Every structure is written in structure tokens, then in C-alpha cells.
Amino acid sequence: DSNVKLKFFGPWGEERIREQNITIPYNFLPEKTLEYTFSAGIVEDSSASRFSRASVNYGASKSLTIGGGAEYLSSVTSQPFMPYVNASLRVTSNLLLSGEYAPGVRTRGTLSYRLPSNLQFDAYYTLYDKDQKAIFYNYREERKATLSIPLKIGKFSSFQRFSVNQMVLPVTKYTTAEWLISGSVFGVSTNLTTYALFVENVKPYLYSNLALALRLPAGFILMPQAQYGFTENKLFSAKARLEKRVIKNGFMNLSYEQNFRNNLRLAEAGFRYDFSFAQAGAAVRQYNNKTSFVEYARGSIIRDRKTKYLGTDNRTNVGKGGISIIPFLDLNTNGKKDPGEPKAQGLNLHSNGGRVVKNDRDTTIRILGLEPYTSCFIDLDPNSFENISWRLTKETYNVAVDPDILKSIEVPVIIAGEA
């Protein structure tokens, strides 16, 4: 999802502004496009179970994607091999349906409907086979519904989301609900989240979290927070944090927290400095009647043997993934980088996650800090080259992210002439 602000200009100086949420469904493929994935590994459980998964999806048309695959889990002795089929259908431009069926395991479906006003409704339903052993929990059904409502009145803009999730077990069921209100008014960022838990024959449990953030004179930022329980009808905790940037990359903070349920108090004063290769800081903490002094430093060294890259980052990258984008001039148009083919300079891109780091010296673009076992969608800009005859053979990439690895993607650039 992307929130896009559209501006319309008329011939006589008229100007209109409209905010629109653009959704690109991740489970739809372009027409006549085949996509396959395979993964395998060892599960971190007591028996070191072996796991593997293979899937194939095909874009049958612009509105229909079909697929299937199989999973293997050695710890499920009764049915270690679990095949499944899936399909996604775009009924209209704002109504999407998808479903999956795994014999002996589960059946699930989703529905997504969006109105022109950007109000969106999503529904999810999962029915589990009563004898299945693949999923550890003994759920029978899972039902979830979400309603998202963007709202703007004058200078007040907000986003509201109401969701209900119900889990059906063999002898009971419980329901959780969440109401999120996030917005900004007069420069004050506000986030109010209310949670509720409903269990049969038990009194409902409700509480709310309120968080504010406002800018003060002299560059100070004040962030108060509070948690209130409606079931007990009392204030659970309150917290206030004051931050200010000092010098170029230094940050000073003061905070105080009071937990009224446990009668605990915590005060802290700290300083952090962000180097290009690490973050270092120190803090003094007063916890009730105990005082402690804390010093810390964190960062990471990143090395990629294939591209001969050695770099540093002031964020922790252990367990994260990365991608190296290597654009090159494909002189023989075979789609592969051959010895002697030069690198292409000037490429720009956008990704749905991570941090983009460009190296103008060797033209390599790296996307760092990606969440592992997810997909990174990369959109290349075909108009970013200075040479207008350079053309991209593909403008979008979907790359599976692996942990602790910089995956290299060679991007061929062809030279197109005019007839």
C-alpha cells in the first residue's frame, strides 16, 4: 500500500489536492508470467525437523492467478507431504478474492474490498482439519475482519483501523479487538490504540495506549505516553520522554516512567552519538532506589566476497539480508555479464524496504537491512541514465531475501538505436 497525494492544476490557476491509497496485490502475477520458488532448511525444534517448500504460480490472465505446490515437514509423521492449490481473482478493480486448499490441513480464503473514498474492508477465514498435525495449535477456525478508514477534516488528518479476530477451539472460543486512531492535529502526532479481549464466561478486558509527539521551541521533542485500563478503571502507567539533537549527530534524552500497578519508578538521562560506522552512548538510570550507569556501542561490518565489498554500518545487520544491484552494458545481448562488459552508471531505483546505498565508484547499488525470508520488490528507473540509448530489459524485480547474505542481481542494459 502507498499513500499518494495527487495535485491537479487547471488552465486558470485552479488547484485541487486529493489523497489516494494505491494497492498493488502481491499475489497477482502479470498475464502469461510463471513464477516458481523452492526453499528448504532445518527447523529449530527438539527433533531438528527437515522442512522444504516448493510453489508454482501462473498469471492466467490480468485478473486471475493460479498456483500450487507442496510442503514437507518430517516431524509430521502421519502426513509429512502436504500438497496445496491456490488462486487469486480480481472480480472488479476494487474487489479481490483469494483462496488456498491444503488437503488434510486447512482451507482459507480472503476478501478485500475498497471504496472510492479509500475505505477498505478485509475479511479472512481459515478452517482447519480436526486431525491435522502440521500446525501446533489446536484451532478449528480462525475469523478476522478489518475496516480501515482515512479521515481528513480541515487541518486534522487521521487514519483509523478497526479489527476483530476470533479463534475457535474445540471447547471454547475467544475474540480480540483493536481500534487504532493515528493522526496529526496542529503539529501534534497522536496515536490512540484500544485493545479488548473477550472470552466465554469471563469479564471482558479492555485497555488503551495513548502516545503523543510534539515539537517544542529550541528543537526539543516531547513524547508523553499513558496506558489506562477500563476493566480496572485506573491508570496503569505514564511516561514522558524529552529529546534534543545536539551538535551534528548527537542526541540527548531525558525520560521518566511511573508504573502505578507495581509502584515502580524509572528515570533516565542519556546521550548518543551516531558515527558512520557505529552508534555509541551512555545513560544514567534511577530505578526506584537503585542507580546504574550504562555504556553501549553497536554497529556492523558488512563483507561481500563476490563483489569484493567491505563496508560498515551504524546499525546492527546480524540476521538481516541485503541485495547488490550490478547494472552492466550487455554488449552481446545474452542477458549475462561476460568478461569485458563494462558497468552502467547512473541507475536509480526504489525498493519496498531496507536502505539504499549507492557506490558511484563502482556503480553498484546495495539495499541493506532487509528482513529475512521476505520478498523485496525493486523498481528500476529506465530514465535515470545520461545516455538516452541505454534501455533496461526488465524494470521490476522480486527478490527473495536470505539472512546474512548479500545477494547479487546483475541487471543487463542494452544499447538501442533509432531506425
Protein backbone atom coordinates (compact mmCIF):
# COMPACT_ATOMS: atom_id res chain seq x y z
CA ASP A 1 0.00 0.00 0.00
CA SER A 2 1.15 3.52 -0.78
CA ASN A 3 -0.48 6.78 0.25
CA VAL A 4 -0.18 9.13 -2.74
CA LYS A 5 -1.06 12.84 -2.77
CA LEU A 6 -2.36 13.92 -6.19
CA LYS A 7 -2.34 17.58 -7.28
CA PHE A 8 -4.48 18.79 -10.18
CA PHE A 9 -3.82 22.15 -11.86
CA GLY A 10 -6.33 23.88 -14.12
CA PRO A 11 -5.64 26.31 -17.00
CA TRP A 12 -6.77 29.31 -14.91
CA GLY A 13 -4.65 28.56 -11.85
CA GLU A 14 -7.10 26.21 -10.14
CA GLU A 15 -5.52 23.66 -7.83
CA ARG A 16 -7.06 20.59 -6.25
CA ILE A 17 -5.44 18.09 -3.93
CA ARG A 18 -6.61 14.54 -3.36
CA GLU A 19 -5.03 11.79 -1.28
CA GLN A 20 -5.38 8.27 -2.60
CA ASN A 21 -4.19 4.89 -1.36
CA ILE A 22 -2.82 2.73 -4.18
CA THR A 23 -2.76 -1.02 -3.56
CA ILE A 24 -0.77 -3.44 -5.70
CA PRO A 25 -1.77 -7.02 -4.74
CA TYR A 26 1.36 -9.09 -4.09
CA ASN A 27 -0.39 -12.38 -5.00
CA PHE A 28 -1.19 -11.39 -8.61
CA LEU A 29 1.22 -12.02 -11.49
CA PRO A 30 1.28 -10.36 -14.91
CA GLU A 31 -0.50 -12.27 -17.65
CA LYS A 32 1.41 -15.30 -19.03
CA THR A 33 4.08 -14.99 -16.31
CA LEU A 34 5.30 -18.09 -14.48
CA GLU A 35 6.92 -17.80 -11.06
CA TYR A 36 8.39 -20.65 -9.04
CA THR A 37 10.13 -20.80 -5.65
CA PHE A 38 11.84 -23.51 -3.65
CA SER A 39 13.19 -23.39 -0.10
CA ALA A 40 14.47 -25.90 2.41
CA GLY A 41 16.02 -25.93 5.85
CA ILE A 42 16.19 -27.35 9.34
CA VAL A 43 13.58 -26.35 11.92
CA GLU A 44 14.87 -25.20 15.31
CA ASP A 45 12.89 -27.72 17.37
CA SER A 46 13.80 -30.65 19.64
CA SER A 47 13.97 -33.13 16.75
CA ALA A 48 15.69 -30.83 14.16
CA SER A 49 12.85 -31.42 11.68
CA ARG A 50 13.57 -31.13 7.98
CA PHE A 51 11.40 -28.68 6.07
CA SER A 52 11.04 -27.91 2.37
CA ARG A 53 8.54 -26.00 0.27
CA ALA A 54 8.01 -25.67 -3.48
CA SER A 55 5.44 -23.48 -5.19
CA VAL A 56 4.49 -22.51 -8.75
CA ASN A 57 2.19 -19.62 -9.74
CA TYR A 58 0.99 -18.59 -13.18
CA GLY A 59 -0.76 -15.43 -14.36
CA ALA A 60 -3.60 -16.95 -16.38
CA SER A 61 -5.00 -13.50 -17.18
CA LYS A 62 -4.85 -9.94 -15.91
CA SER A 63 -7.45 -10.79 -13.26
CA LEU A 64 -6.65 -14.43 -12.43
CA THR A 65 -3.54 -16.06 -10.95
CA ILE A 66 -3.48 -19.78 -10.19
CA GLY A 67 -0.87 -21.89 -8.48
CA GLY A 68 0.01 -24.81 -6.30
CA GLY A 69 2.83 -26.54 -4.54
CA ALA A 70 3.76 -28.79 -1.68
CA GLU A 71 5.37 -28.67 1.75
CA TYR A 72 7.35 -31.37 3.51
CA LEU A 73 7.82 -31.50 7.31
CA SER A 74 9.49 -34.59 8.72
CA SER A 75 8.06 -34.12 12.24
CA VAL A 76 4.51 -34.70 10.96
CA THR A 77 4.73 -38.50 10.78
CA SER A 78 1.09 -39.00 9.80
CA GLN A 79 1.26 -36.70 6.74
CA PRO A 80 4.75 -35.26 6.13
CA PHE A 81 3.99 -34.43 2.47
CA MET A 82 1.30 -31.72 2.19
CA PRO A 83 0.23 -30.53 -1.29
CA TYR A 84 -1.90 -27.41 -1.81
CA VAL A 85 -3.52 -25.32 -4.53
CA ASN A 86 -4.26 -21.59 -4.54
CA ALA A 87 -5.92 -18.97 -6.71
CA SER A 88 -6.42 -15.19 -6.73
CA LEU A 89 -9.21 -13.44 -8.62
CA ARG A 90 -9.75 -9.75 -9.28
CA VAL A 91 -13.54 -9.54 -9.64
CA THR A 92 -13.55 -5.77 -10.15
CA SER A 93 -10.89 -3.10 -9.79
CA ASN A 94 -11.69 -2.78 -6.08
CA LEU A 95 -12.81 -6.33 -5.18
CA LEU A 96 -10.17 -9.07 -4.73
CA LEU A 97 -10.66 -12.71 -3.75
CA SER A 98 -8.06 -15.36 -2.96
CA GLY A 99 -8.14 -18.87 -1.58
CA GLU A 100 -5.96 -21.85 -0.69
CA TYR A 101 -6.77 -25.51 -0.09
CA ALA A 102 -4.38 -27.98 1.55
CA PRO A 103 -5.99 -31.45 1.93
CA GLY A 104 -5.90 -32.70 5.49
CA VAL A 105 -4.54 -29.38 6.82
CA ARG A 106 -6.67 -26.31 6.17
CA THR A 107 -8.82 -24.26 3.82
CA ARG A 108 -8.58 -20.50 3.85
CA GLY A 109 -9.89 -17.54 1.91
CA THR A 110 -9.59 -13.76 1.88
CA LEU A 111 -11.73 -10.92 0.58
CA SER A 112 -10.63 -7.33 0.07
CA TYR A 113 -12.99 -4.52 -0.97
CA ARG A 114 -12.12 -0.84 -1.36
CA LEU A 115 -14.48 2.08 -1.93
CA PRO A 116 -13.54 5.18 -3.97
CA SER A 117 -13.34 7.07 -0.66
CA ASN A 118 -10.38 4.79 0.30
CA LEU A 119 -12.46 2.98 2.92
CA GLN A 120 -11.26 -0.62 2.83
CA PHE A 121 -12.75 -3.83 4.22
CA ASP A 122 -10.77 -7.07 4.52
CA ALA A 123 -12.08 -10.44 5.67
CA TYR A 124 -10.11 -13.62 6.38
CA TYR A 125 -11.39 -17.10 7.18
CA THR A 126 -9.48 -20.31 7.87
CA LEU A 127 -10.95 -23.75 8.53
CA TYR A 128 -8.53 -26.32 9.99
CA ASP A 129 -8.87 -30.06 9.61
CA LYS A 130 -9.66 -31.54 13.03
CA ASP A 131 -7.00 -34.26 12.65
CA GLN A 132 -4.20 -32.07 11.23
CA LYS A 133 -0.78 -32.16 12.93
CA ALA A 134 1.13 -29.69 10.75
CA ILE A 135 0.11 -26.64 12.82
CA PHE A 136 0.99 -26.85 16.51
CA TYR A 137 -2.13 -25.07 17.79
CA ASN A 138 -5.43 -26.92 18.05
CA TYR A 139 -7.51 -24.23 16.33
CA ARG A 140 -10.65 -25.28 14.49
CA GLU A 141 -11.47 -21.94 12.87
CA GLU A 142 -9.95 -18.51 12.57
CA ARG A 143 -12.04 -15.49 11.59
CA LYS A 144 -10.77 -11.97 11.10
CA ALA A 145 -12.24 -8.74 9.74
CA THR A 146 -10.56 -5.34 9.33
CA LEU A 147 -12.05 -1.96 8.44
CA SER A 148 -9.67 0.88 7.51
CA ILE A 149 -10.93 4.46 7.27
CA PRO A 150 -8.79 7.50 6.32
CA LEU A 151 -10.34 10.75 7.50
CA LYS A 152 -9.37 14.39 6.92
CA ILE A 153 -11.27 17.36 8.33
CA GLY A 154 -9.62 20.74 7.86
CA LYS A 155 -6.16 20.61 9.40
CA PHE A 156 -6.91 17.31 11.11
CA SER A 157 -5.98 14.16 9.23
CA SER A 158 -6.23 10.68 10.70
CA PHE A 159 -6.21 7.02 9.88
CA GLN A 160 -8.49 4.62 11.73
CA ARG A 161 -8.43 0.84 11.68
CA PHE A 162 -10.84 -1.45 13.49
CA SER A 163 -10.10 -5.17 13.51
CA VAL A 164 -11.74 -8.20 15.11
CA ASN A 165 -10.08 -11.61 15.35
CA GLN A 166 -11.87 -14.71 16.65
CA MET A 167 -10.22 -18.07 17.37
CA VAL A 168 -12.45 -21.14 17.68
CA LEU A 169 -11.02 -24.00 19.75
CA PRO A 170 -12.54 -27.47 20.41
CA VAL A 171 -14.24 -26.48 23.68
CA THR A 172 -14.18 -22.69 23.70
CA LYS A 173 -13.50 -19.56 21.67
CA TYR A 174 -12.07 -16.13 22.32
CA THR A 175 -12.21 -12.82 20.48
CA THR A 176 -9.74 -9.95 20.36
CA ALA A 177 -10.47 -6.49 19.02
CA GLU A 178 -8.29 -3.48 18.25
CA TRP A 179 -9.21 0.11 17.42
CA LEU A 180 -6.37 2.28 16.15
CA ILE A 181 -6.61 6.04 15.67
CA SER A 182 -3.49 7.69 14.28
CA GLY A 183 -3.31 11.27 13.11
CA SER A 184 -1.89 14.75 13.41
CA VAL A 185 -3.56 17.97 14.54
CA PHE A 186 -1.82 21.33 14.94
CA GLY A 187 1.55 19.61 14.59
CA VAL A 188 0.92 17.08 17.38
CA SER A 189 1.28 13.46 16.30
CA THR A 190 -1.29 11.31 18.09
CA ASN A 191 -1.69 7.56 18.35
CA LEU A 192 -4.51 6.02 20.37
CA THR A 193 -4.91 2.24 20.40
CA THR A 194 -7.62 0.40 22.33
CA TYR A 195 -7.47 -3.37 22.89
CA ALA A 196 -10.20 -5.72 24.06
CA LEU A 197 -10.25 -9.43 24.92
CA PHE A 198 -13.50 -11.40 25.10
CA VAL A 199 -13.57 -14.95 26.48
CA GLU A 200 -16.67 -17.01 27.16
CA ASN A 201 -17.88 -16.76 30.79
CA VAL A 202 -15.14 -14.24 31.61
CA LYS A 203 -15.45 -10.48 32.13
CA PRO A 204 -14.16 -8.55 29.07
CA TYR A 205 -10.72 -6.99 29.45
CA LEU A 206 -10.17 -3.54 27.87
CA TYR A 207 -7.29 -1.07 27.95
CA SER A 208 -5.90 1.81 25.85
CA ASN A 209 -2.48 3.19 24.97
CA LEU A 210 -2.09 6.90 24.15
CA ALA A 211 1.13 8.27 22.66
CA LEU A 212 1.81 11.88 21.63
CA ALA A 213 4.75 13.60 19.99
CA LEU A 214 5.11 17.38 19.74
CA ARG A 215 7.90 19.74 18.81
CA LEU A 216 8.88 22.42 21.32
CA PRO A 217 10.99 25.55 20.84
CA ALA A 218 14.78 25.20 20.60
CA GLY A 219 14.48 21.84 18.81
CA PHE A 220 13.12 19.81 21.73
CA ILE A 221 10.73 16.90 21.10
CA LEU A 222 8.36 15.84 23.89
CA MET A 223 6.78 12.37 23.77
CA PRO A 224 4.28 11.62 26.57
CA GLN A 225 2.59 8.20 26.86
CA ALA A 226 -0.09 6.71 29.07
CA GLN A 227 -1.86 3.38 29.49
CA TYR A 228 -5.34 3.16 31.03
CA GLY A 229 -7.34 0.04 31.95
CA PHE A 230 -11.09 0.29 31.56
CA THR A 231 -11.76 -3.04 33.27
CA GLU A 232 -9.97 -1.94 36.47
CA ASN A 233 -10.94 1.71 35.83
CA LYS A 234 -7.50 3.07 36.67
CA LEU A 235 -4.33 4.44 35.13
CA PHE A 236 -1.73 1.68 34.63
CA SER A 237 1.35 3.71 33.70
CA ALA A 238 2.56 7.09 32.48
CA LYS A 239 5.78 8.05 30.72
CA ALA A 240 7.38 11.21 29.36
CA ARG A 241 10.47 11.48 27.16
CA LEU A 242 12.32 14.63 26.07
CA GLU A 243 14.82 14.54 23.19
CA LYS A 244 17.04 17.11 21.52
CA ARG A 245 19.69 16.95 18.80
CA VAL A 246 22.96 18.47 19.94
CA ILE A 247 25.96 19.11 17.68
CA LYS A 248 25.71 17.30 14.34
CA ASN A 249 24.95 13.66 15.12
CA GLY A 250 24.45 13.77 18.88
CA PHE A 251 21.18 13.15 20.71
CA MET A 252 20.35 13.91 24.33
CA ASN A 253 17.34 12.39 26.09
CA LEU A 254 15.58 12.59 29.46
CA SER A 255 12.77 10.27 30.48
CA TYR A 256 10.62 9.37 33.47
CA GLU A 257 8.20 6.45 33.82
CA GLN A 258 5.77 5.57 36.60
CA ASN A 259 4.08 2.15 36.79
CA PHE A 260 1.12 2.51 39.14
CA ARG A 261 0.21 -1.18 39.24
CA ASN A 262 3.61 -2.24 40.60
CA ASN A 263 4.59 1.09 42.15
CA LEU A 264 7.77 1.24 40.09
CA ARG A 265 9.61 4.39 39.01
CA LEU A 266 12.30 4.73 36.37
CA ALA A 267 14.23 7.89 35.47
CA GLU A 268 16.95 8.10 32.82
CA ALA A 269 19.32 10.67 31.33
CA GLY A 270 21.41 9.69 28.34
CA PHE A 271 23.45 10.78 25.34
CA ARG A 272 24.00 9.03 21.98
CA TYR A 273 26.28 9.86 19.10
CA ASP A 274 25.86 8.38 15.62
CA PHE A 275 29.12 7.73 13.81
CA SER A 276 29.07 6.48 10.24
CA PHE A 277 30.24 3.04 11.42
CA ALA A 278 28.66 2.72 14.89
CA GLN A 279 26.34 4.18 17.49
CA ALA A 280 27.79 4.88 20.94
CA GLY A 281 26.15 6.23 24.03
CA ALA A 282 25.86 6.30 27.80
CA ALA A 283 22.98 6.68 30.23
CA VAL A 284 22.34 7.06 33.96
CA ARG A 285 19.27 5.20 35.25
CA GLN A 286 17.48 5.53 38.58
CA TYR A 287 15.23 2.51 39.22
CA ASN A 288 13.35 3.07 42.49
CA ASN A 289 16.27 3.35 44.94
CA LYS A 290 18.93 1.81 42.67
CA THR A 291 21.24 3.76 40.37
CA SER A 292 23.10 2.29 37.40
CA PHE A 293 25.39 3.60 34.67
CA VAL A 294 25.15 2.06 31.19
CA GLU A 295 27.55 2.38 28.27
CA TYR A 296 26.96 0.83 24.88
CA ALA A 297 28.25 0.74 21.32
CA ARG A 298 26.75 -1.08 18.35
CA GLY A 299 27.39 -1.34 14.65
CA SER A 300 28.30 -3.86 11.99
CA ILE A 301 30.88 -4.77 9.37
CA ILE A 302 29.49 -5.99 6.04
CA ARG A 303 31.60 -8.04 3.65
CA ASP A 304 30.59 -9.41 0.27
CA ARG A 305 33.19 -11.70 -1.25
CA LYS A 306 31.58 -11.83 -4.69
CA THR A 307 31.61 -8.07 -5.30
CA LYS A 308 34.71 -7.51 -3.10
CA TYR A 309 32.76 -5.13 -0.87
CA LEU A 310 33.77 -4.29 2.68
CA GLY A 311 31.71 -1.67 4.47
CA THR A 312 30.42 -0.56 7.84
CA ASP A 313 27.03 0.45 9.18
CA ASN A 314 25.97 2.07 12.43
CA ARG A 315 23.00 -0.31 12.66
CA THR A 316 23.05 -3.97 13.58
CA ASN A 317 22.86 -6.17 10.47
CA VAL A 318 23.24 -9.64 12.02
CA GLY A 319 20.33 -11.75 10.77
CA LYS A 320 19.39 -9.16 8.15
CA GLY A 321 19.65 -9.61 4.40
CA GLY A 322 20.89 -7.49 1.54
CA ILE A 323 20.92 -7.18 -2.25
CA SER A 324 23.65 -5.91 -4.56
CA ILE A 325 22.36 -4.44 -7.84
CA ILE A 326 25.03 -4.54 -10.56
CA PRO A 327 23.97 -2.76 -13.80
CA PHE A 328 26.16 -3.55 -16.82
CA LEU A 329 26.18 -2.94 -20.56
CA ASP A 330 25.07 -6.16 -22.23
CA LEU A 331 27.07 -5.77 -25.45
CA ASN A 332 26.10 -9.17 -26.90
CA THR A 333 22.51 -9.04 -25.55
CA ASN A 334 22.69 -12.51 -23.97
CA GLY A 335 21.35 -11.34 -20.59
CA LYS A 336 24.54 -12.35 -18.73
CA LYS A 337 27.56 -10.36 -17.62
CA ASP A 338 30.52 -11.57 -19.65
CA PRO A 339 34.19 -10.67 -19.10
CA GLY A 340 34.99 -7.27 -20.57
CA GLU A 341 31.42 -5.90 -20.43
CA PRO A 342 31.55 -2.53 -18.59
CA LYS A 343 29.30 -1.44 -15.77
CA ALA A 344 26.48 1.03 -16.47
CA GLN A 345 26.48 4.19 -14.41
CA GLY A 346 23.52 6.34 -13.38
CA LEU A 347 20.83 3.80 -12.49
CA ASN A 348 18.28 4.82 -9.84
CA LEU A 349 15.82 2.54 -8.10
CA HIS A 350 13.14 2.26 -5.44
CA SER A 351 12.54 -0.67 -3.09
CA ASN A 352 9.79 -1.56 -0.63
CA GLY A 353 12.21 -1.96 2.26
CA GLY A 354 15.75 -1.57 3.51
CA ARG A 355 18.23 1.24 2.99
CA VAL A 356 19.57 2.06 -0.47
CA VAL A 357 23.32 2.73 -0.55
CA LYS A 358 24.90 3.85 -3.84
CA ASN A 359 28.58 3.49 -4.67
CA ASP A 360 29.39 5.88 -7.50
CA ARG A 361 32.92 4.48 -7.81
CA ASP A 362 31.87 1.01 -9.00
CA THR A 363 28.19 1.82 -9.92
CA THR A 364 26.92 -0.92 -7.56
CA ILE A 365 23.72 -0.18 -5.64
CA ARG A 366 23.16 -2.06 -2.38
CA ILE A 367 19.95 -2.49 -0.41
CA LEU A 368 20.81 -3.23 3.23
CA GLY A 369 18.89 -4.05 6.40
CA LEU A 370 16.20 -6.21 4.77
CA GLU A 371 14.01 -8.55 6.80
CA PRO A 372 14.94 -12.17 6.01
CA TYR A 373 12.55 -14.67 4.47
CA THR A 374 10.54 -11.90 2.80
CA SER A 375 10.35 -10.59 -0.76
CA CYS A 376 11.95 -7.31 -1.80
CA PHE A 377 10.25 -5.54 -4.71
CA ILE A 378 12.68 -3.40 -6.71
CA ASP A 379 11.53 -0.80 -9.25
CA LEU A 380 14.25 0.43 -11.63
CA ASP A 381 14.06 3.89 -13.22
CA PRO A 382 14.55 3.49 -17.01
CA ASN A 383 15.03 7.25 -17.47
CA SER A 384 17.89 7.67 -14.99
CA PHE A 385 20.75 7.04 -17.45
CA GLU A 386 22.50 10.00 -19.04
CA ASN A 387 22.80 8.10 -22.31
CA ILE A 388 19.32 8.04 -23.87
CA SER A 389 20.16 4.96 -25.95
CA TRP A 390 20.57 2.75 -22.88
CA ARG A 391 17.49 0.60 -22.20
CA LEU A 392 16.54 -1.84 -19.46
CA THR A 393 15.32 -5.30 -20.42
CA LYS A 394 13.40 -5.54 -17.10
CA GLU A 395 12.23 -2.69 -14.91
CA THR A 396 10.90 -4.62 -11.87
CA TYR A 397 12.42 -7.42 -9.79
CA ASN A 398 11.05 -9.58 -6.99
CA VAL A 399 13.95 -10.93 -4.91
CA ALA A 400 13.71 -13.41 -2.02
CA VAL A 401 15.74 -12.14 0.95
CA ASP A 402 18.10 -14.55 2.74
CA PRO A 403 19.68 -13.78 6.14
CA ASP A 404 23.34 -12.75 6.45
CA ILE A 405 23.83 -12.74 2.67
CA LEU A 406 24.26 -10.01 0.07
CA LYS A 407 22.51 -11.48 -2.95
CA SER A 408 23.92 -10.21 -6.27
CA ILE A 409 21.50 -9.25 -9.06
CA GLU A 410 23.09 -8.43 -12.42
CA VAL A 411 20.93 -6.01 -14.40
CA PRO A 412 21.57 -6.04 -18.17
CA VAL A 413 21.40 -2.72 -20.01
CA ILE A 414 21.16 -2.86 -23.79
CA ILE A 415 22.05 -0.19 -26.34
CA ALA A 416 19.04 0.61 -28.51
CA GLY A 417 19.46 2.60 -31.69
CA GLU A 418 16.85 4.50 -33.70
CA ALA A 419 15.92 3.32 -37.21
